[in-house]
Amino acid sequence: MTTEKVYDEEAYELALKKIRQLIRQNPAANSAEGKELEMLVTLVEAYEEIYYPLPFTEPIMYLKSVMEERNLKQTDLIPFIGTKSEVSKILNGKRELTISMIRNLAKGLHLPVQRLV
């Protein structure tokens, strides 16, 4: 099943341009410009969520950056994720983190849960 774009890329680019213009103006939140900015951002976010969804690798990228900062190796994640094979699959994007893994990583490495979801 293919999803047809209701708005084309040109309209999307125009909305982004208008958002940049409004941000430079730094309007008050309850002003007409502030309300327009909020509306456009909401629309662009919804459009991007449909047509440019972020891959689930964002939590993995965060986890990799934590590993680098703390000089952790893949084997250091085994207590939180499971086997060496599971750790490898997670870090290579072949498998998503489970709720249990997220809880274990958050608690064991003192990481914010929302960064792992």
PDB file of N, CA and C in Angstrom:
ATOM      1  N   MET A   1       0.850  -1.185   0.000  1.00  0.00           N
ATOM      2  CA  MET A   1       0.000   0.000   0.000  1.00  0.00           C
ATOM      3  C   MET A   1       0.888   1.238   0.000  1.00  0.00           C
ATOM      4  N   THR A   2       0.661   2.124  -0.928  1.00  0.00           N
ATOM      5  CA  THR A   2       1.430   3.360  -0.981  1.00  0.00           C
ATOM      6  C   THR A   2       0.607   4.495  -0.414  1.00  0.00           C
ATOM      7  N   THR A   3       1.294   5.410   0.222  1.00  0.00           N
ATOM      8  CA  THR A   3       0.626   6.572   0.787  1.00  0.00           C
ATOM      9  C   THR A   3       0.846   7.747  -0.145  1.00  0.00           C
ATOM     10  N   GLU A   4      -0.229   8.381  -0.562  1.00  0.00           N
ATOM     11  CA  GLU A   4      -0.097   9.544  -1.421  1.00  0.00           C
ATOM     12  C   GLU A   4       0.153  10.767  -0.570  1.00  0.00           C
ATOM     13  N   LYS A   5       1.056  11.627  -1.023  1.00  0.00           N
ATOM     14  CA  LYS A   5       1.333  12.861  -0.303  1.00  0.00           C
ATOM     15  C   LYS A   5       0.208  13.848  -0.554  1.00  0.00           C
ATOM     16  N   VAL A   6      -0.367  14.322   0.541  1.00  0.00           N
ATOM     17  CA  VAL A   6      -1.440  15.298   0.435  1.00  0.00           C
ATOM     18  C   VAL A   6      -0.838  16.638   0.021  1.00  0.00           C
ATOM     19  N   TYR A   7       0.318  16.938   0.577  1.00  0.00           N
ATOM     20  CA  TYR A   7       1.014  18.173   0.238  1.00  0.00           C
ATOM     21  C   TYR A   7       2.304  17.785  -0.445  1.00  0.00           C
ATOM     22  N   ASP A   8       2.721  18.574  -1.377  1.00  0.00           N
ATOM     23  CA  ASP A   8       3.944  18.231  -2.077  1.00  0.00           C
ATOM     24  C   ASP A   8       5.167  18.814  -1.384  1.00  0.00           C
ATOM     25  N   GLU A   9       6.319  18.438  -1.879  1.00  0.00           N
ATOM     26  CA  GLU A   9       7.576  18.896  -1.297  1.00  0.00           C
ATOM     27  C   GLU A   9       7.722  20.413  -1.357  1.00  0.00           C
ATOM     28  N   GLU A  10       7.177  21.023  -2.365  1.00  0.00           N
ATOM     29  CA  GLU A  10       7.267  22.475  -2.501  1.00  0.00           C
ATOM     30  C   GLU A  10       6.550  23.175  -1.338  1.00  0.00           C
ATOM     31  N   ALA A  11       5.377  22.694  -0.993  1.00  0.00           N
ATOM     32  CA  ALA A  11       4.624  23.272   0.133  1.00  0.00           C
ATOM     33  C   ALA A  11       5.378  23.028   1.446  1.00  0.00           C
ATOM     34  N   TYR A  12       5.989  21.868   1.569  1.00  0.00           N
ATOM     35  CA  TYR A  12       6.771  21.536   2.758  1.00  0.00           C
ATOM     36  C   TYR A  12       7.952  22.504   2.878  1.00  0.00           C
ATOM     37  N   GLU A  13       8.666  22.723   1.797  1.00  0.00           N
ATOM     38  CA  GLU A  13       9.814  23.637   1.811  1.00  0.00           C
ATOM     39  C   GLU A  13       9.380  25.066   2.129  1.00  0.00           C
ATOM     40  N   LEU A  14       8.237  25.485   1.599  1.00  0.00           N
ATOM     41  CA  LEU A  14       7.723  26.820   1.900  1.00  0.00           C
ATOM     42  C   LEU A  14       7.374  26.950   3.388  1.00  0.00           C
ATOM     43  N   ALA A  15       6.812  25.905   3.944  1.00  0.00           N
ATOM     44  CA  ALA A  15       6.477  25.928   5.376  1.00  0.00           C
ATOM     45  C   ALA A  15       7.751  26.036   6.213  1.00  0.00           C
ATOM     46  N   LEU A  16       8.795  25.296   5.839  1.00  0.00           N
ATOM     47  CA  LEU A  16      10.070  25.377   6.559  1.00  0.00           C
ATOM     48  C   LEU A  16      10.674  26.776   6.470  1.00  0.00           C
ATOM     49  N   LYS A  17      10.569  27.375   5.283  1.00  0.00           N
ATOM     50  CA  LYS A  17      11.094  28.729   5.086  1.00  0.00           C
ATOM     51  C   LYS A  17      10.339  29.728   5.981  1.00  0.00           C
ATOM     52  N   LYS A  18       9.031  29.594   6.029  1.00  0.00           N
ATOM     53  CA  LYS A  18       8.210  30.483   6.855  1.00  0.00           C
ATOM     54  C   LYS A  18       8.535  30.284   8.343  1.00  0.00           C
ATOM     55  N   ILE A  19       8.757  29.051   8.751  1.00  0.00           N
ATOM     56  CA  ILE A  19       9.126  28.768  10.147  1.00  0.00           C
ATOM     57  C   ILE A  19      10.427  29.481  10.488  1.00  0.00           C
ATOM     58  N   ARG A  20      11.422  29.387   9.610  1.00  0.00           N
ATOM     59  CA  ARG A  20      12.706  30.060   9.861  1.00  0.00           C
ATOM     60  C   ARG A  20      12.522  31.565   9.981  1.00  0.00           C
ATOM     61  N   GLN A  21      11.680  32.140   9.125  1.00  0.00           N
ATOM     62  CA  GLN A  21      11.418  33.584   9.180  1.00  0.00           C
ATOM     63  C   GLN A  21      10.769  33.965  10.514  1.00  0.00           C
ATOM     64  N   LEU A  22       9.793  33.191  10.917  1.00  0.00           N
ATOM     65  CA  LEU A  22       9.091  33.484  12.170  1.00  0.00           C
ATOM     66  C   LEU A  22      10.011  33.311  13.373  1.00  0.00           C
ATOM     67  N   ILE A  23      10.866  32.310  13.348  1.00  0.00           N
ATOM     68  CA  ILE A  23      11.797  32.100  14.465  1.00  0.00           C
ATOM     69  C   ILE A  23      12.734  33.297  14.602  1.00  0.00           C
ATOM     70  N   ARG A  24      13.186  33.830  13.487  1.00  0.00           N
ATOM     71  CA  ARG A  24      14.065  35.014  13.533  1.00  0.00           C
ATOM     72  C   ARG A  24      13.350  36.211  14.156  1.00  0.00           C
ATOM     73  N   GLN A  25      12.038  36.282  14.000  1.00  0.00           N
ATOM     74  CA  GLN A  25      11.262  37.380  14.574  1.00  0.00           C
ATOM     75  C   GLN A  25      11.055  37.206  16.082  1.00  0.00           C
ATOM     76  N   ASN A  26      11.210  35.975  16.560  1.00  0.00           N
ATOM     77  CA  ASN A  26      11.033  35.657  17.980  1.00  0.00           C
ATOM     78  C   ASN A  26       9.700  36.211  18.520  1.00  0.00           C
ATOM     79  N   PRO A  27       8.580  35.776  17.933  1.00  0.00           N
ATOM     80  CA  PRO A  27       7.280  36.318  18.354  1.00  0.00           C
ATOM     81  C   PRO A  27       6.852  35.809  19.727  1.00  0.00           C
ATOM     82  N   ALA A  28       6.034  36.596  20.386  1.00  0.00           N
ATOM     83  CA  ALA A  28       5.439  36.164  21.657  1.00  0.00           C
ATOM     84  C   ALA A  28       4.517  34.980  21.371  1.00  0.00           C
ATOM     85  N   ALA A  29       4.453  34.057  22.299  1.00  0.00           N
ATOM     86  CA  ALA A  29       3.701  32.819  22.090  1.00  0.00           C
ATOM     87  C   ALA A  29       2.225  33.063  21.758  1.00  0.00           C
ATOM     88  N   ASN A  30       1.615  34.059  22.375  1.00  0.00           N
ATOM     89  CA  ASN A  30       0.188  34.282  22.149  1.00  0.00           C
ATOM     90  C   ASN A  30      -0.105  35.338  21.077  1.00  0.00           C
ATOM     91  N   SER A  31       0.937  35.793  20.378  1.00  0.00           N
ATOM     92  CA  SER A  31       0.714  36.736  19.270  1.00  0.00           C
ATOM     93  C   SER A  31       0.269  35.961  18.037  1.00  0.00           C
ATOM     94  N   ALA A  32      -0.214  36.681  17.036  1.00  0.00           N
ATOM     95  CA  ALA A  32      -0.640  36.035  15.794  1.00  0.00           C
ATOM     96  C   ALA A  32       0.523  35.272  15.154  1.00  0.00           C
ATOM     97  N   GLU A  33       1.711  35.888  15.160  1.00  0.00           N
ATOM     98  CA  GLU A  33       2.887  35.243  14.575  1.00  0.00           C
ATOM     99  C   GLU A  33       3.309  34.023  15.397  1.00  0.00           C
ATOM    100  N   GLY A  34       3.204  34.137  16.722  1.00  0.00           N
ATOM    101  CA  GLY A  34       3.537  33.011  17.590  1.00  0.00           C
ATOM    102  C   GLY A  34       2.613  31.834  17.370  1.00  0.00           C
ATOM    103  N   LYS A  35       1.334  32.129  17.208  1.00  0.00           N
ATOM    104  CA  LYS A  35       0.352  31.077  16.944  1.00  0.00           C
ATOM    105  C   LYS A  35       0.574  30.459  15.565  1.00  0.00           C
ATOM    106  N   GLU A  36       0.923  31.298  14.593  1.00  0.00           N
ATOM    107  CA  GLU A  36       1.215  30.789  13.254  1.00  0.00           C
ATOM    108  C   GLU A  36       2.433  29.875  13.294  1.00  0.00           C
ATOM    109  N   LEU A  37       3.458  30.286  14.018  1.00  0.00           N
ATOM    110  CA  LEU A  37       4.669  29.476  14.143  1.00  0.00           C
ATOM    111  C   LEU A  37       4.338  28.128  14.772  1.00  0.00           C
ATOM    112  N   GLU A  38       3.582  28.143  15.841  1.00  0.00           N
ATOM    113  CA  GLU A  38       3.208  26.899  16.515  1.00  0.00           C
ATOM    114  C   GLU A  38       2.431  25.980  15.577  1.00  0.00           C
ATOM    115  N   MET A  39       1.502  26.553  14.821  1.00  0.00           N
ATOM    116  CA  MET A  39       0.704  25.763  13.896  1.00  0.00           C
ATOM    117  C   MET A  39       1.580  25.154  12.796  1.00  0.00           C
ATOM    118  N   LEU A  40       2.460  25.965  12.226  1.00  0.00           N
ATOM    119  CA  LEU A  40       3.322  25.459  11.156  1.00  0.00           C
ATOM    120  C   LEU A  40       4.260  24.366  11.653  1.00  0.00           C
ATOM    121  N   VAL A  41       4.813  24.551  12.830  1.00  0.00           N
ATOM    122  CA  VAL A  41       5.701  23.531  13.395  1.00  0.00           C
ATOM    123  C   VAL A  41       4.934  22.230  13.604  1.00  0.00           C
ATOM    124  N   THR A  42       3.722  22.327  14.110  1.00  0.00           N
ATOM    125  CA  THR A  42       2.896  21.135  14.324  1.00  0.00           C
ATOM    126  C   THR A  42       2.628  20.426  13.006  1.00  0.00           C
ATOM    127  N   LEU A  43       2.285  21.176  11.985  1.00  0.00           N
ATOM    128  CA  LEU A  43       2.012  20.587  10.668  1.00  0.00           C
ATOM    129  C   LEU A  43       3.257  19.951  10.063  1.00  0.00           C
ATOM    130  N   VAL A  44       4.385  20.639  10.156  1.00  0.00           N
ATOM    131  CA  VAL A  44       5.633  20.115   9.600  1.00  0.00           C
ATOM    132  C   VAL A  44       6.055  18.850  10.348  1.00  0.00           C
ATOM    133  N   GLU A  45       5.924  18.852  11.676  1.00  0.00           N
ATOM    134  CA  GLU A  45       6.266  17.656  12.451  1.00  0.00           C
ATOM    135  C   GLU A  45       5.392  16.475  12.044  1.00  0.00           C
ATOM    136  N   ALA A  46       4.101  16.712  11.850  1.00  0.00           N
ATOM    137  CA  ALA A  46       3.194  15.641  11.439  1.00  0.00           C
ATOM    138  C   ALA A  46       3.567  15.136  10.041  1.00  0.00           C
ATOM    139  N   TYR A  47       3.872  16.045   9.138  1.00  0.00           N
ATOM    140  CA  TYR A  47       4.277  15.688   7.775  1.00  0.00           C
ATOM    141  C   TYR A  47       5.549  14.853   7.808  1.00  0.00           C
ATOM    142  N   GLU A  48       6.531  15.303   8.598  1.00  0.00           N
ATOM    143  CA  GLU A  48       7.806  14.588   8.678  1.00  0.00           C
ATOM    144  C   GLU A  48       7.646  13.211   9.312  1.00  0.00           C
ATOM    145  N   GLU A  49       6.755  13.112  10.280  1.00  0.00           N
ATOM    146  CA  GLU A  49       6.533  11.822  10.920  1.00  0.00           C
ATOM    147  C   GLU A  49       5.989  10.804   9.920  1.00  0.00           C
ATOM    148  N   ILE A  50       5.178  11.273   8.981  1.00  0.00           N
ATOM    149  CA  ILE A  50       4.596  10.386   7.972  1.00  0.00           C
ATOM    150  C   ILE A  50       5.586  10.098   6.851  1.00  0.00           C
ATOM    151  N   TYR A  51       6.197  11.147   6.306  1.00  0.00           N
ATOM    152  CA  TYR A  51       7.015  10.986   5.106  1.00  0.00           C
ATOM    153  C   TYR A  51       8.515  10.865   5.350  1.00  0.00           C
ATOM    154  N   TYR A  52       8.967  11.246   6.528  1.00  0.00           N
ATOM    155  CA  TYR A  52      10.389  11.157   6.855  1.00  0.00           C
ATOM    156  C   TYR A  52      10.564  10.596   8.270  1.00  0.00           C
ATOM    157  N   PRO A  53      10.007   9.423   8.529  1.00  0.00           N
ATOM    158  CA  PRO A  53      10.099   8.900   9.897  1.00  0.00           C
ATOM    159  C   PRO A  53      11.550   8.605  10.279  1.00  0.00           C
ATOM    160  N   LEU A  54      11.865   8.854  11.545  1.00  0.00           N
ATOM    161  CA  LEU A  54      13.198   8.543  12.037  1.00  0.00           C
ATOM    162  C   LEU A  54      13.306   7.044  12.244  1.00  0.00           C
ATOM    163  N   PRO A  55      14.414   6.476  11.853  1.00  0.00           N
ATOM    164  CA  PRO A  55      14.579   5.047  12.105  1.00  0.00           C
ATOM    165  C   PRO A  55      14.749   4.802  13.602  1.00  0.00           C
ATOM    166  N   PHE A  56      14.508   3.574  14.023  1.00  0.00           N
ATOM    167  CA  PHE A  56      14.605   3.271  15.439  1.00  0.00           C
ATOM    168  C   PHE A  56      16.051   3.295  15.929  1.00  0.00           C
ATOM    169  N   THR A  57      16.991   3.616  15.066  1.00  0.00           N
ATOM    170  CA  THR A  57      18.404   3.601  15.438  1.00  0.00           C
ATOM    171  C   THR A  57      18.793   4.765  16.340  1.00  0.00           C
ATOM    172  N   GLU A  58      17.934   5.759  16.514  1.00  0.00           N
ATOM    173  CA  GLU A  58      18.286   6.899  17.359  1.00  0.00           C
ATOM    174  C   GLU A  58      18.675   6.466  18.777  1.00  0.00           C
ATOM    175  N   PRO A  59      17.913   5.589  19.445  1.00  0.00           N
ATOM    176  CA  PRO A  59      18.351   5.137  20.766  1.00  0.00           C
ATOM    177  C   PRO A  59      19.688   4.387  20.713  1.00  0.00           C
ATOM    178  N   ILE A  60      19.910   3.669  19.631  1.00  0.00           N
ATOM    179  CA  ILE A  60      21.159   2.920  19.484  1.00  0.00           C
ATOM    180  C   ILE A  60      22.331   3.886  19.316  1.00  0.00           C
ATOM    181  N   MET A  61      22.120   4.942  18.560  1.00  0.00           N
ATOM    182  CA  MET A  61      23.174   5.948  18.398  1.00  0.00           C
ATOM    183  C   MET A  61      23.499   6.581  19.752  1.00  0.00           C
ATOM    184  N   TYR A  62      22.469   6.843  20.547  1.00  0.00           N
ATOM    185  CA  TYR A  62      22.679   7.396  21.882  1.00  0.00           C
ATOM    186  C   TYR A  62      23.477   6.411  22.733  1.00  0.00           C
ATOM    187  N   LEU A  63      23.075   5.143  22.703  1.00  0.00           N
ATOM    188  CA  LEU A  63      23.762   4.118  23.479  1.00  0.00           C
ATOM    189  C   LEU A  63      25.232   4.017  23.050  1.00  0.00           C
ATOM    190  N   LYS A  64      25.485   4.068  21.759  1.00  0.00           N
ATOM    191  CA  LYS A  64      26.869   4.019  21.267  1.00  0.00           C
ATOM    192  C   LYS A  64      27.674   5.223  21.749  1.00  0.00           C
ATOM    193  N   SER A  65      27.044   6.389  21.783  1.00  0.00           N
ATOM    194  CA  SER A  65      27.770   7.575  22.257  1.00  0.00           C
ATOM    195  C   SER A  65      28.096   7.455  23.744  1.00  0.00           C
ATOM    196  N   VAL A  66      27.180   6.879  24.522  1.00  0.00           N
ATOM    197  CA  VAL A  66      27.432   6.645  25.943  1.00  0.00           C
ATOM    198  C   VAL A  66      28.586   5.661  26.100  1.00  0.00           C
ATOM    199  N   MET A  67      28.577   4.627  25.291  1.00  0.00           N
ATOM    200  CA  MET A  67      29.657   3.637  25.352  1.00  0.00           C
ATOM    201  C   MET A  67      31.004   4.300  25.070  1.00  0.00           C
ATOM    202  N   GLU A  68      31.027   5.150  24.071  1.00  0.00           N
ATOM    203  CA  GLU A  68      32.271   5.837  23.712  1.00  0.00           C
ATOM    204  C   GLU A  68      32.731   6.756  24.839  1.00  0.00           C
ATOM    205  N   GLU A  69      31.804   7.533  25.391  1.00  0.00           N
ATOM    206  CA  GLU A  69      32.142   8.462  26.478  1.00  0.00           C
ATOM    207  C   GLU A  69      32.686   7.735  27.704  1.00  0.00           C
ATOM    208  N   ARG A  70      32.120   6.571  27.988  1.00  0.00           N
ATOM    209  CA  ARG A  70      32.489   5.836  29.199  1.00  0.00           C
ATOM    210  C   ARG A  70      33.506   4.715  28.940  1.00  0.00           C
ATOM    211  N   ASN A  71      33.988   4.653  27.705  1.00  0.00           N
ATOM    212  CA  ASN A  71      34.935   3.602  27.311  1.00  0.00           C
ATOM    213  C   ASN A  71      34.398   2.202  27.590  1.00  0.00           C
ATOM    214  N   LEU A  72      33.125   1.994  27.268  1.00  0.00           N
ATOM    215  CA  LEU A  72      32.506   0.688  27.447  1.00  0.00           C
ATOM    216  C   LEU A  72      32.667  -0.141  26.186  1.00  0.00           C
ATOM    217  N   LYS A  73      32.772  -1.432  26.363  1.00  0.00           N
ATOM    218  CA  LYS A  73      32.848  -2.368  25.243  1.00  0.00           C
ATOM    219  C   LYS A  73      31.513  -3.095  25.149  1.00  0.00           C
ATOM    220  N   GLN A  74      31.321  -3.785  24.040  1.00  0.00           N
ATOM    221  CA  GLN A  74      30.078  -4.530  23.863  1.00  0.00           C
ATOM    222  C   GLN A  74      29.858  -5.510  25.011  1.00  0.00           C
ATOM    223  N   THR A  75      30.903  -6.116  25.481  1.00  0.00           N
ATOM    224  CA  THR A  75      30.766  -7.092  26.576  1.00  0.00           C
ATOM    225  C   THR A  75      30.269  -6.440  27.864  1.00  0.00           C
ATOM    226  N   ASP A  76      30.497  -5.142  28.015  1.00  0.00           N
ATOM    227  CA  ASP A  76      30.009  -4.426  29.202  1.00  0.00           C
ATOM    228  C   ASP A  76      28.488  -4.312  29.208  1.00  0.00           C
ATOM    229  N   LEU A  77      27.857  -4.492  28.058  1.00  0.00           N
ATOM    230  CA  LEU A  77      26.401  -4.382  27.962  1.00  0.00           C
ATOM    231  C   LEU A  77      25.685  -5.710  28.179  1.00  0.00           C
ATOM    232  N   ILE A  78      26.429  -6.808  28.205  1.00  0.00           N
ATOM    233  CA  ILE A  78      25.812  -8.126  28.360  1.00  0.00           C
ATOM    234  C   ILE A  78      24.931  -8.224  29.601  1.00  0.00           C
ATOM    235  N   PRO A  79      25.354  -7.706  30.762  1.00  0.00           N
ATOM    236  CA  PRO A  79      24.480  -7.807  31.940  1.00  0.00           C
ATOM    237  C   PRO A  79      23.132  -7.104  31.787  1.00  0.00           C
ATOM    238  N   PHE A  80      23.069  -6.131  30.895  1.00  0.00           N
ATOM    239  CA  PHE A  80      21.844  -5.342  30.728  1.00  0.00           C
ATOM    240  C   PHE A  80      20.992  -5.808  29.555  1.00  0.00           C
ATOM    241  N   ILE A  81      21.637  -6.389  28.546  1.00  0.00           N
ATOM    242  CA  ILE A  81      20.935  -6.775  27.319  1.00  0.00           C
ATOM    243  C   ILE A  81      20.748  -8.279  27.199  1.00  0.00           C
ATOM    244  N   GLY A  82      21.741  -9.033  27.561  1.00  0.00           N
ATOM    245  CA  GLY A  82      21.652 -10.490  27.431  1.00  0.00           C
ATOM    246  C   GLY A  82      22.958 -11.063  26.929  1.00  0.00           C
ATOM    247  N   THR A  83      22.868 -11.829  25.880  1.00  0.00           N
ATOM    248  CA  THR A  83      24.057 -12.492  25.343  1.00  0.00           C
ATOM    249  C   THR A  83      24.900 -11.549  24.486  1.00  0.00           C
ATOM    250  N   LYS A  84      26.115 -11.992  24.192  1.00  0.00           N
ATOM    251  CA  LYS A  84      27.008 -11.245  23.312  1.00  0.00           C
ATOM    252  C   LYS A  84      26.364 -11.070  21.932  1.00  0.00           C
ATOM    253  N   SER A  85      25.680 -12.096  21.479  1.00  0.00           N
ATOM    254  CA  SER A  85      24.999 -12.050  20.185  1.00  0.00           C
ATOM    255  C   SER A  85      23.877 -11.003  20.184  1.00  0.00           C
ATOM    256  N   GLU A  86      23.106 -10.953  21.266  1.00  0.00           N
ATOM    257  CA  GLU A  86      22.019  -9.968  21.360  1.00  0.00           C
ATOM    258  C   GLU A  86      22.577  -8.546  21.370  1.00  0.00           C
ATOM    259  N   VAL A  87      23.644  -8.338  22.111  1.00  0.00           N
ATOM    260  CA  VAL A  87      24.278  -7.015  22.152  1.00  0.00           C
ATOM    261  C   VAL A  87      24.705  -6.607  20.758  1.00  0.00           C
ATOM    262  N   SER A  88      25.330  -7.521  20.040  1.00  0.00           N
ATOM    263  CA  SER A  88      25.792  -7.241  18.681  1.00  0.00           C
ATOM    264  C   SER A  88      24.626  -6.891  17.758  1.00  0.00           C
ATOM    265  N   LYS A  89      23.541  -7.655  17.842  1.00  0.00           N
ATOM    266  CA  LYS A  89      22.368  -7.384  17.001  1.00  0.00           C
ATOM    267  C   LYS A  89      21.772  -6.012  17.307  1.00  0.00           C
ATOM    268  N   ILE A  90      21.710  -5.653  18.587  1.00  0.00           N
ATOM    269  CA  ILE A  90      21.180  -4.346  18.990  1.00  0.00           C
ATOM    270  C   ILE A  90      22.047  -3.238  18.414  1.00  0.00           C
ATOM    271  N   LEU A  91      23.345  -3.324  18.625  1.00  0.00           N
ATOM    272  CA  LEU A  91      24.253  -2.253  18.201  1.00  0.00           C
ATOM    273  C   LEU A  91      24.380  -2.144  16.689  1.00  0.00           C
ATOM    274  N   ASN A  92      24.086  -3.222  15.984  1.00  0.00           N
ATOM    275  CA  ASN A  92      24.128  -3.184  14.518  1.00  0.00           C
ATOM    276  C   ASN A  92      22.774  -2.876  13.893  1.00  0.00           C
ATOM    277  N   GLY A  93      21.777  -2.571  14.738  1.00  0.00           N
ATOM    278  CA  GLY A  93      20.463  -2.184  14.229  1.00  0.00           C
ATOM    279  C   GLY A  93      19.649  -3.328  13.672  1.00  0.00           C
ATOM    280  N   LYS A  94      20.023  -4.555  13.985  1.00  0.00           N
ATOM    281  CA  LYS A  94      19.288  -5.716  13.479  1.00  0.00           C
ATOM    282  C   LYS A  94      18.162  -6.129  14.418  1.00  0.00           C
ATOM    283  N   ARG A  95      18.175  -5.554  15.600  1.00  0.00           N
ATOM    284  CA  ARG A  95      17.148  -5.855  16.580  1.00  0.00           C
ATOM    285  C   ARG A  95      16.896  -4.618  17.424  1.00  0.00           C
ATOM    286  N   GLU A  96      15.640  -4.417  17.828  1.00  0.00           N
ATOM    287  CA  GLU A  96      15.299  -3.278  18.681  1.00  0.00           C
ATOM    288  C   GLU A  96      15.454  -3.654  20.144  1.00  0.00           C
ATOM    289  N   LEU A  97      15.658  -2.633  20.962  1.00  0.00           N
ATOM    290  CA  LEU A  97      15.709  -2.844  22.402  1.00  0.00           C
ATOM    291  C   LEU A  97      14.325  -3.255  22.909  1.00  0.00           C
ATOM    292  N   THR A  98      14.287  -4.206  23.820  1.00  0.00           N
ATOM    293  CA  THR A  98      13.023  -4.599  24.447  1.00  0.00           C
ATOM    294  C   THR A  98      12.808  -3.721  25.680  1.00  0.00           C
ATOM    295  N   ILE A  99      11.626  -3.766  26.214  1.00  0.00           N
ATOM    296  CA  ILE A  99      11.314  -2.989  27.414  1.00  0.00           C
ATOM    297  C   ILE A  99      12.234  -3.405  28.555  1.00  0.00           C
ATOM    298  N   SER A 100      12.447  -4.692  28.681  1.00  0.00           N
ATOM    299  CA  SER A 100      13.319  -5.206  29.733  1.00  0.00           C
ATOM    300  C   SER A 100      14.747  -4.680  29.562  1.00  0.00           C
ATOM    301  N   MET A 101      15.246  -4.686  28.345  1.00  0.00           N
ATOM    302  CA  MET A 101      16.595  -4.176  28.073  1.00  0.00           C
ATOM    303  C   MET A 101      16.692  -2.690  28.397  1.00  0.00           C
ATOM    304  N   ILE A 102      15.665  -1.945  28.014  1.00  0.00           N
ATOM    305  CA  ILE A 102      15.644  -0.500  28.275  1.00  0.00           C
ATOM    306  C   ILE A 102      15.686  -0.241  29.780  1.00  0.00           C
ATOM    307  N   ARG A 103      14.862  -0.966  30.523  1.00  0.00           N
ATOM    308  CA  ARG A 103      14.861  -0.812  31.986  1.00  0.00           C
ATOM    309  C   ARG A 103      16.236  -1.138  32.573  1.00  0.00           C
ATOM    310  N   ASN A 104      16.816  -2.247  32.128  1.00  0.00           N
ATOM    311  CA  ASN A 104      18.114  -2.667  32.647  1.00  0.00           C
ATOM    312  C   ASN A 104      19.210  -1.656  32.327  1.00  0.00           C
ATOM    313  N   LEU A 105      19.226  -1.156  31.099  1.00  0.00           N
ATOM    314  CA  LEU A 105      20.230  -0.165  30.705  1.00  0.00           C
ATOM    315  C   LEU A 105      20.054   1.134  31.484  1.00  0.00           C
ATOM    316  N   ALA A 106      18.807   1.565  31.605  1.00  0.00           N
ATOM    317  CA  ALA A 106      18.528   2.817  32.314  1.00  0.00           C
ATOM    318  C   ALA A 106      18.969   2.724  33.772  1.00  0.00           C
ATOM    319  N   LYS A 107      18.624   1.628  34.404  1.00  0.00           N
ATOM    320  CA  LYS A 107      18.968   1.452  35.816  1.00  0.00           C
ATOM    321  C   LYS A 107      20.464   1.193  36.000  1.00  0.00           C
ATOM    322  N   GLY A 108      20.999   0.283  35.230  1.00  0.00           N
ATOM    323  CA  GLY A 108      22.387  -0.118  35.401  1.00  0.00           C
ATOM    324  C   GLY A 108      23.412   0.923  34.986  1.00  0.00           C
ATOM    325  N   LEU A 109      23.086   1.687  33.936  1.00  0.00           N
ATOM    326  CA  LEU A 109      24.030   2.700  33.436  1.00  0.00           C
ATOM    327  C   LEU A 109      23.596   4.117  33.780  1.00  0.00           C
ATOM    328  N   HIS A 110      22.495   4.231  34.524  1.00  0.00           N
ATOM    329  CA  HIS A 110      21.956   5.543  34.926  1.00  0.00           C
ATOM    330  C   HIS A 110      21.697   6.426  33.697  1.00  0.00           C
ATOM    331  N   LEU A 111      20.893   5.894  32.794  1.00  0.00           N
ATOM    332  CA  LEU A 111      20.541   6.595  31.560  1.00  0.00           C
ATOM    333  C   LEU A 111      19.066   6.975  31.602  1.00  0.00           C
ATOM    334  N   PRO A 112      18.701   8.078  30.955  1.00  0.00           N
ATOM    335  CA  PRO A 112      17.280   8.446  30.883  1.00  0.00           C
ATOM    336  C   PRO A 112      16.516   7.481  29.966  1.00  0.00           C
ATOM    337  N   VAL A 113      15.451   6.926  30.476  1.00  0.00           N
ATOM    338  CA  VAL A 113      14.654   5.947  29.727  1.00  0.00           C
ATOM    339  C   VAL A 113      14.213   6.525  28.384  1.00  0.00           C
ATOM    340  N   GLN A 114      13.784   7.792  28.388  1.00  0.00           N
ATOM    341  CA  GLN A 114      13.254   8.390  27.151  1.00  0.00           C
ATOM    342  C   GLN A 114      14.288   8.436  26.023  1.00  0.00           C
ATOM    343  N   ARG A 115      15.574   8.396  26.330  1.00  0.00           N
ATOM    344  CA  ARG A 115      16.605   8.380  25.289  1.00  0.00           C
ATOM    345  C   ARG A 115      16.770   7.000  24.679  1.00  0.00           C
ATOM    346  N   LEU A 116      16.239   5.981  25.341  1.00  0.00           N
ATOM    347  CA  LEU A 116      16.380   4.606  24.867  1.00  0.00           C
ATOM    348  C   LEU A 116      15.120   4.080  24.184  1.00  0.00           C
ATOM    349  N   VAL A 117      14.077   4.880  24.185  1.00  0.00           N
ATOM    350  CA  VAL A 117      12.797   4.446  23.604  1.00  0.00           C
ATOM    351  C   VAL A 117      12.720   4.895  22.167  1.00  0.00           C
TER     352      VAL A 117
END
